[in-house]
């Protein structure tokens, strides 16, 4: 089959983008012709091309026809439905938070949607227009992850992996690691961007993160601790995997509320066997090859795709692109504001420190002026001062 994978942005190594790359590569391994289309390209697009995947930004470079569309957001679903009205069309819903990743509320755009956890499935099923829902699991390339690094006898290094953790929450996690005797290392867009998380994971003894980061840690034979900006659910274990996976390892599967002391106590309970058990869980439930095979089966089960309402899809695609641009400007402004606020806080703290040092120095000078040594020095220096004034 010829399959077009569509997404709004294919520039950074983030969750949706990494999923698209992983699935495209596995579909290609199965012998299918795969084209990834995104208006915005960047480093991850270059990585995909290095792996032999055809990536295009311009619509005129897309194939004239295809058998299936695998869209990753509403805008791509609209645009590709208009271009390929006879293709079988799936939309992978990655989030219950970003409205632009929800299924289009227009009949005929998507034949079915794919969800990767029960939390997102509940969101999809509450929508007014609900296409058939296919429940799969977050996939990971088992051939890339878990082939490097041994197992340590004690936890010396924690990789805090993700694109969103920062500020006070990041400091809390780092402090808890140190309290447990573990060195914290950050990787992600806000820290040290990485196009090879398998290497960073192999260099650590445990991984702290959310979502795909957790699945990649499991595949990498590392202990995985679910914690991030949304909350924390603790260690992934065979007994807890089903519950945490149903939430997409999003940190909201349990009512647990972790303070710094509780987090440090949990991390201190690290066990070297955790990583090996996680690899078995990843093999059984998150194999990207099996995931791609399931996608192919679902596409074939759809049969011939119905014609989409193309009189609306072009305009809707344009509106969604405009919304993406507005959202990017909004999040960029928030990021800039946060950076400026943190800089002001650092400068204020430095100013307070310097003010304190100045007050301390002035206090010591005032105290010195009350000493006998200072008074004697003034008496001894008075004739010299008078002589200097006379010479002027």
Protein backbone atom coordinates (compact mmCIF):
# COMPACT_ATOMS: atom_id res chain seq x y z
CA UNK A 1 0.00 0.00 0.00
CA UNK A 2 0.95 3.64 -0.44
CA UNK A 3 0.40 5.44 2.86
CA UNK A 4 0.65 9.17 3.51
CA UNK A 5 1.46 10.14 7.11
CA UNK A 6 0.34 13.71 7.68
CA UNK A 7 1.08 16.13 10.52
CA UNK A 8 1.21 19.88 10.98
CA UNK A 9 4.81 20.09 12.19
CA UNK A 10 7.66 17.66 11.64
CA UNK A 11 10.55 19.68 13.02
CA UNK A 12 11.32 18.75 16.65
CA UNK A 13 11.81 15.47 18.50
CA UNK A 14 8.54 15.56 20.44
CA UNK A 15 5.85 12.95 21.12
CA UNK A 16 3.68 13.17 17.98
CA UNK A 17 6.68 13.66 15.72
CA UNK A 18 8.57 10.71 17.20
CA UNK A 19 5.47 8.51 16.89
CA UNK A 20 5.14 9.49 13.21
CA UNK A 21 8.79 8.67 12.54
CA UNK A 22 8.56 5.34 14.38
CA UNK A 23 5.40 4.23 12.57
CA UNK A 24 6.60 5.40 9.16
CA UNK A 25 9.80 3.40 9.54
CA UNK A 26 7.95 0.25 10.65
CA UNK A 27 5.38 0.52 7.82
CA UNK A 28 8.27 0.83 5.38
CA UNK A 29 9.88 -2.28 6.89
CA UNK A 30 6.65 -4.12 6.13
CA UNK A 31 7.11 -3.21 2.47
CA UNK A 32 4.63 -0.35 2.22
CA UNK A 33 5.43 2.88 0.40
CA UNK A 34 5.36 5.68 2.97
CA UNK A 35 5.39 9.45 2.49
CA UNK A 36 5.46 11.84 5.46
CA UNK A 37 3.92 15.23 4.74
CA UNK A 38 4.17 18.33 6.96
CA UNK A 39 4.26 22.04 6.06
CA UNK A 40 6.95 22.66 8.68
CA UNK A 41 10.12 20.56 8.67
CA UNK A 42 13.21 20.48 10.86
CA UNK A 43 15.81 18.16 12.42
CA UNK A 44 13.47 15.18 12.84
CA UNK A 45 12.57 15.40 9.14
CA UNK A 46 16.27 15.16 8.37
CA UNK A 47 16.53 12.11 10.62
CA UNK A 48 13.61 10.50 8.78
CA UNK A 49 15.24 11.09 5.42
CA UNK A 50 18.47 9.59 6.74
CA UNK A 51 16.45 6.45 7.48
CA UNK A 52 15.19 6.32 3.91
CA UNK A 53 11.73 7.80 4.47
CA UNK A 54 10.32 10.17 1.87
CA UNK A 55 9.44 13.51 3.55
CA UNK A 56 7.77 16.39 1.68
CA UNK A 57 6.57 19.83 2.73
CA UNK A 58 4.99 21.06 -0.51
CA UNK A 59 1.58 19.67 -1.42
CA UNK A 60 2.44 19.50 -5.12
CA UNK A 61 5.15 16.95 -4.31
CA UNK A 62 2.66 14.54 -2.74
CA UNK A 63 1.70 11.48 -4.79
CA UNK A 64 -1.37 11.85 -7.01
CA UNK A 65 -3.10 9.03 -5.16
CA UNK A 66 -2.66 6.84 -2.11
CA UNK A 67 -4.34 3.87 -0.47
CA UNK A 68 -4.43 5.23 3.07
CA UNK A 69 -3.95 8.41 5.09
CA UNK A 70 -2.61 8.34 8.63
CA UNK A 71 -3.17 11.87 9.98
CA UNK A 72 -1.81 13.09 13.32
CA UNK A 73 -3.95 16.21 13.82
CA UNK A 74 -7.19 17.80 12.64
CA UNK A 75 -5.59 20.13 10.10
CA UNK A 76 -3.77 17.29 8.35
CA UNK A 77 -6.93 15.17 8.42
CA UNK A 78 -8.92 17.91 6.67
CA UNK A 79 -6.26 18.70 4.07
CA UNK A 80 -5.52 15.08 3.16
CA UNK A 81 -9.21 14.14 3.07
CA UNK A 82 -9.68 16.83 0.44
CA UNK A 83 -6.68 15.63 -1.56
CA UNK A 84 -7.40 11.89 -1.26
CA UNK A 85 -11.20 11.50 -1.06
CA UNK A 86 -11.07 7.81 -2.01
CA UNK A 87 -8.31 6.77 0.41
CA UNK A 88 -8.96 5.00 3.69
CA UNK A 89 -8.32 7.59 6.39
CA UNK A 90 -7.21 7.13 9.97
CA UNK A 91 -6.50 9.85 12.52
CA UNK A 92 -4.22 9.13 15.49
CA UNK A 93 -5.44 11.19 18.46
CA UNK A 94 -2.43 11.95 20.65
CA UNK A 95 -3.93 14.28 23.22
CA UNK A 96 -7.07 15.11 25.18
CA UNK A 97 -5.66 18.59 25.87
CA UNK A 98 -4.78 20.12 22.49
CA UNK A 99 -8.02 20.78 20.61
CA UNK A 100 -6.21 20.72 17.28
CA UNK A 101 -5.44 17.04 17.83
CA UNK A 102 -9.09 16.10 18.40
CA UNK A 103 -11.05 14.34 15.64
CA UNK A 104 -12.71 16.68 13.13
CA UNK A 105 -16.40 17.16 13.89
CA UNK A 106 -17.39 16.70 10.26
CA UNK A 107 -18.67 13.43 8.87
CA UNK A 108 -16.55 11.73 6.22
CA UNK A 109 -13.17 13.23 7.08
CA UNK A 110 -11.95 10.21 9.08
CA UNK A 111 -13.05 6.61 8.67
CA UNK A 112 -11.71 5.76 12.14
CA UNK A 113 -9.52 7.18 14.87
CA UNK A 114 -6.67 5.51 16.75
CA UNK A 115 -6.13 6.21 20.44
CA UNK A 116 -3.07 5.13 22.40
CA UNK A 117 -4.58 5.09 25.91
CA UNK A 118 -7.94 4.97 27.68
CA UNK A 119 -7.74 8.58 28.89
CA UNK A 120 -7.75 9.88 25.31
CA UNK A 121 -10.36 7.31 24.35
CA UNK A 122 -12.75 8.72 26.97
CA UNK A 123 -12.18 12.17 25.52
CA UNK A 124 -12.93 11.01 21.97
CA UNK A 125 -16.07 9.15 23.00
CA UNK A 126 -17.52 12.29 24.61
CA UNK A 127 -17.38 14.25 21.33
CA UNK A 128 -20.52 14.98 19.33
CA UNK A 129 -19.29 13.13 16.23
CA UNK A 130 -17.42 9.95 17.10
CA UNK A 131 -15.97 7.81 14.29
CA UNK A 132 -15.05 4.18 15.06
CA UNK A 133 -12.32 4.06 17.72
CA UNK A 134 -9.32 1.72 17.53
CA UNK A 135 -7.39 1.26 20.78
CA UNK A 136 -3.68 0.56 20.34
CA UNK A 137 -0.66 1.15 22.58
CA UNK A 138 2.22 3.59 22.39
CA UNK A 139 4.86 1.92 20.17
CA UNK A 140 8.64 1.92 20.54
CA UNK A 141 11.39 0.58 18.31
CA UNK A 142 12.80 -2.34 20.29
CA UNK A 143 15.73 -2.63 17.87
CA UNK A 144 16.98 0.88 18.78
CA UNK A 145 16.35 0.86 22.51
CA UNK A 146 17.86 -1.54 24.99
CA UNK A 147 20.90 -2.63 23.01
CA UNK A 148 23.39 -0.47 24.95
CA UNK A 149 24.47 -0.22 28.56
CA UNK A 150 24.57 -2.77 31.33
CA UNK A 151 22.73 -2.86 34.65
CA UNK A 152 24.32 -1.10 37.62
CA UNK A 153 24.24 -2.46 41.17
CA UNK A 154 23.10 0.91 42.50
CA UNK A 155 21.31 3.93 41.07
CA UNK A 156 23.89 6.64 40.49
CA UNK A 157 22.31 8.67 37.67
CA UNK A 158 18.72 9.66 36.90
CA UNK A 159 17.72 10.93 33.46
CA UNK A 160 14.88 13.46 33.71
CA UNK A 161 13.54 13.19 30.18
CA UNK A 162 10.92 15.38 28.51
CA UNK A 163 10.12 18.66 26.79
CA UNK A 164 8.04 20.43 29.43
CA UNK A 165 9.52 20.04 32.92
CA UNK A 166 11.10 23.24 34.18
CA UNK A 167 11.20 25.78 37.00
CA UNK A 168 10.16 24.84 40.52
CA UNK A 169 8.92 21.36 39.53
CA UNK A 170 12.23 20.55 37.83
CA UNK A 171 14.13 21.78 40.89
CA UNK A 172 11.95 19.63 43.15
CA UNK A 173 12.70 16.52 41.09
CA UNK A 174 16.42 17.31 40.97
CA UNK A 175 16.48 17.94 44.71
CA UNK A 176 14.71 14.64 45.39
CA UNK A 177 17.28 12.82 43.26
CA UNK A 178 20.15 14.36 45.22
CA UNK A 179 18.43 13.54 48.51
CA UNK A 180 18.29 9.91 47.35
CA UNK A 181 22.00 10.00 46.46
CA UNK A 182 21.35 10.10 42.71
CA UNK A 183 22.80 12.58 40.21
CA UNK A 184 20.02 14.27 38.16
CA UNK A 185 20.59 14.84 34.43
CA UNK A 186 18.06 16.68 32.25
CA UNK A 187 17.38 16.00 28.55
CA UNK A 188 14.70 17.50 26.32
CA UNK A 189 13.78 20.67 24.47
CA UNK A 190 14.09 22.88 27.56
CA UNK A 191 17.38 21.34 28.69
CA UNK A 192 19.63 19.38 26.33
CA UNK A 193 17.74 18.46 23.14
CA UNK A 194 18.51 14.98 21.91
CA UNK A 195 17.73 13.15 18.69
CA UNK A 196 19.01 9.89 20.20
CA UNK A 197 17.20 9.31 23.50
CA UNK A 198 18.32 5.68 23.44
CA UNK A 199 21.88 6.86 24.12
CA UNK A 200 20.88 9.17 26.98
CA UNK A 201 18.77 6.39 28.49
CA UNK A 202 21.63 3.89 28.23
CA UNK A 203 23.86 6.30 30.19
CA UNK A 204 21.37 6.48 33.09
CA UNK A 205 20.22 4.02 35.73
CA UNK A 206 16.64 5.24 35.86
CA UNK A 207 14.40 7.59 33.89
CA UNK A 208 11.85 10.09 35.21
CA UNK A 209 9.26 11.38 32.76
CA UNK A 210 5.81 11.11 31.19
CA UNK A 211 4.28 9.52 28.10
CA UNK A 212 6.62 8.20 25.41
CA UNK A 213 9.62 8.92 27.62
CA UNK A 214 8.45 6.20 29.98
CA UNK A 215 7.89 3.67 27.19
CA UNK A 216 11.33 4.40 25.74
CA UNK A 217 12.88 3.95 29.19
CA UNK A 218 11.14 0.59 29.54
CA UNK A 219 12.40 -0.54 26.15
CA UNK A 220 15.86 0.72 27.14
CA UNK A 221 15.98 -1.71 30.09
CA UNK A 222 15.78 1.06 32.65
CA UNK A 223 13.65 1.62 35.71
CA UNK A 224 10.94 4.15 34.82
CA UNK A 225 9.34 6.60 37.23
CA UNK A 226 6.17 8.38 36.05
CA UNK A 227 6.39 12.02 37.12
CA UNK A 228 6.12 15.41 35.45
CA UNK A 229 4.15 18.61 35.16
CA UNK A 230 0.78 16.81 35.24
CA UNK A 231 1.54 14.82 38.38
CA UNK A 232 3.24 11.62 39.43
CA UNK A 233 2.26 7.97 39.72
CA UNK A 234 5.60 6.42 40.70
CA UNK A 235 7.45 3.36 39.46
CA UNK A 236 6.34 1.24 36.52
CA UNK A 237 6.10 -2.38 37.66
CA UNK A 238 4.43 -5.46 36.14
CA UNK A 239 1.62 -5.11 38.68
CA UNK A 240 1.03 -1.42 37.91
CA UNK A 241 1.70 -1.38 34.17
CA UNK A 242 -1.92 -1.82 33.03
CA UNK A 243 -3.15 1.03 35.22
CA UNK A 244 -0.36 3.41 34.21
CA UNK A 245 -0.57 2.47 30.52
CA UNK A 246 -4.33 3.14 30.47
CA UNK A 247 -3.50 6.73 31.46
CA UNK A 248 -0.78 6.94 28.82
CA UNK A 249 1.85 7.18 31.59
CA UNK A 250 0.53 10.70 32.01
CA UNK A 251 0.94 11.02 35.78
CA UNK A 252 -2.80 11.10 36.52
CA UNK A 253 -3.62 7.40 36.86
CA UNK A 254 -3.67 7.42 40.68
CA UNK A 255 -4.69 9.93 43.36
CA UNK A 256 -1.11 10.01 44.67
CA UNK A 257 0.30 13.42 45.62
CA UNK A 258 4.07 13.37 45.92
CA UNK A 259 6.03 15.96 47.88
CA UNK A 260 9.81 16.23 47.71
CA UNK A 261 10.33 13.86 50.64
CA UNK A 262 7.98 11.23 49.19
CA UNK A 263 9.64 11.48 45.80
CA UNK A 264 13.10 11.06 47.33
CA UNK A 265 11.89 8.06 49.35
CA UNK A 266 10.45 6.43 46.22
CA UNK A 267 13.62 6.98 44.21
CA UNK A 268 15.73 5.48 46.99
CA UNK A 269 13.70 2.26 46.54
CA UNK A 270 15.21 1.70 43.06
CA UNK A 271 16.00 -1.92 42.31
CA UNK A 272 18.27 -3.18 39.49
CA UNK A 273 15.66 -5.76 38.42
CA UNK A 274 13.18 -3.02 37.47
CA UNK A 275 14.84 -2.36 34.13
CA UNK A 276 14.86 -5.98 33.01
CA UNK A 277 11.19 -6.40 33.91
CA UNK A 278 10.36 -3.20 32.03
CA UNK A 279 12.03 -4.53 28.89
CA UNK A 280 9.76 -7.57 29.04
CA UNK A 281 6.73 -5.31 29.41
CA UNK A 282 7.83 -3.19 26.45
CA UNK A 283 8.37 -6.29 24.31
CA UNK A 284 4.95 -7.70 25.19
CA UNK A 285 2.91 -4.50 24.87
CA UNK A 286 4.76 -1.74 23.00
CA UNK A 287 6.56 -3.31 20.03
CA UNK A 288 6.47 -0.83 17.14
CA UNK A 289 6.52 -3.65 14.58
CA UNK A 290 3.37 -5.19 16.04
CA UNK A 291 1.78 -1.74 16.22
CA UNK A 292 2.40 -1.10 12.51
CA UNK A 293 0.97 -4.51 11.64
CA UNK A 294 -2.18 -3.66 13.60
CA UNK A 295 -2.49 -0.36 11.74
CA UNK A 296 -2.27 -2.18 8.40
CA UNK A 297 -4.95 -4.64 9.50
CA UNK A 298 -7.25 -1.79 10.57
CA UNK A 299 -6.70 0.05 7.28
CA UNK A 300 -7.55 -3.04 5.25
CA UNK A 301 -10.62 -3.73 7.39
CA UNK A 302 -12.01 -0.30 6.48
CA UNK A 303 -12.42 -1.22 2.84
CA UNK A 304 -12.77 1.49 0.24
CA UNK A 305 -12.95 4.95 1.74
CA UNK A 306 -16.08 7.10 1.19
CA UNK A 307 -15.75 10.43 -0.55
CA UNK A 308 -15.07 13.26 1.87
CA UNK A 309 -17.07 16.50 1.86
CA UNK A 310 -14.40 18.31 -0.08
CA UNK A 311 -16.41 21.51 -0.38
CA UNK A 312 -15.59 22.25 3.27
CA UNK A 313 -12.27 20.58 3.97
CA UNK A 314 -9.97 23.10 2.28
CA UNK A 315 -11.34 26.01 4.25
CA UNK A 316 -11.35 24.05 7.47
CA UNK A 317 -7.73 23.06 6.90
CA UNK A 318 -6.85 26.75 6.43
CA UNK A 319 -8.63 27.70 9.66
CA UNK A 320 -6.88 24.97 11.60
CA UNK A 321 -3.50 26.10 10.26
CA UNK A 322 -4.27 29.64 11.39
CA UNK A 323 -5.18 28.31 14.82
CA UNK A 324 -1.89 26.40 14.96
CA UNK A 325 -0.04 29.63 14.19
CA UNK A 326 -1.98 31.49 16.89
CA UNK A 327 -1.28 28.73 19.38
CA UNK A 328 2.43 28.76 18.54
CA UNK A 329 2.58 32.52 19.04
CA UNK A 330 0.72 32.16 22.33
CA UNK A 331 2.97 29.42 23.68
CA UNK A 332 6.03 31.31 22.43
CA UNK A 333 4.91 34.41 24.29
CA UNK A 334 4.33 32.36 27.43
CA UNK A 335 7.79 30.86 27.12
CA UNK A 336 9.37 34.28 26.63
CA UNK A 337 7.42 35.68 29.57
CA UNK A 338 8.50 32.77 31.76
CA UNK A 339 12.13 33.22 30.77
CA UNK A 340 11.99 36.96 31.51
CA UNK A 341 10.34 36.33 34.86
CA UNK A 342 12.97 33.80 35.83
CA UNK A 343 15.72 36.19 34.74
CA UNK A 344 14.19 38.99 36.81
CA UNK A 345 13.94 36.66 39.79
CA UNK A 346 17.60 35.71 39.42
CA UNK A 347 18.63 39.35 39.07
CA UNK A 348 16.49 40.30 42.07
CA UNK A 349 18.09 37.55 44.13
CA UNK A 350 21.56 38.73 43.04
CA UNK A 351 20.62 42.32 43.88
CA UNK A 352 19.44 41.27 47.33
CA UNK A 353 22.67 39.35 47.86
CA UNK A 354 24.78 42.35 46.88
CA UNK A 355 22.65 44.66 49.01
CA UNK A 356 23.19 42.37 51.95
CA UNK A 357 26.94 42.28 51.36
CA UNK A 358 26.99 46.09 51.13
CA UNK A 359 25.02 46.46 54.36
CA UNK A 360 27.37 44.02 56.05
CA UNK A 361 30.43 45.92 54.79
CA UNK A 362 28.98 49.25 55.93
CA UNK A 363 28.21 47.76 59.31
CA UNK A 364 31.76 46.48 59.68
CA UNK A 365 33.14 49.90 58.63
CA UNK A 366 30.93 51.69 61.15
CA UNK A 367 32.01 49.29 63.87
CA UNK A 368 35.67 49.81 62.95
CA UNK A 369 35.28 53.58 63.26
CA UNK A 370 34.34 53.14 66.92
CA UNK A 371 37.54 51.26 67.77
CA UNK A 372 40.54 52.75 69.59
CA UNK A 373 42.82 51.77 66.70
CA UNK A 374 40.76 53.87 64.25
CA UNK A 375 40.74 56.93 66.57
CA UNK A 376 44.51 56.63 67.12
CA UNK A 377 45.10 56.38 63.37
CA UNK A 378 43.10 59.54 62.80
CA UNK A 379 45.15 61.42 65.39
CA UNK A 380 48.41 60.21 63.84
CA UNK A 381 47.28 61.10 60.36
CA UNK A 382 45.94 64.57 61.15
CA UNK A 383 49.32 66.40 60.67
CA UNK A 384 49.86 64.71 57.32
CA UNK A 385 46.34 65.69 56.19
CA UNK A 386 47.03 69.31 57.21
CA UNK A 387 50.31 69.32 55.27
CA UNK A 388 48.63 68.01 52.11
CA UNK A 389 45.95 70.68 52.35
CA UNK A 390 48.62 73.40 52.75
CA UNK A 391 50.48 72.22 49.63
CA UNK A 392 47.30 72.48 47.52
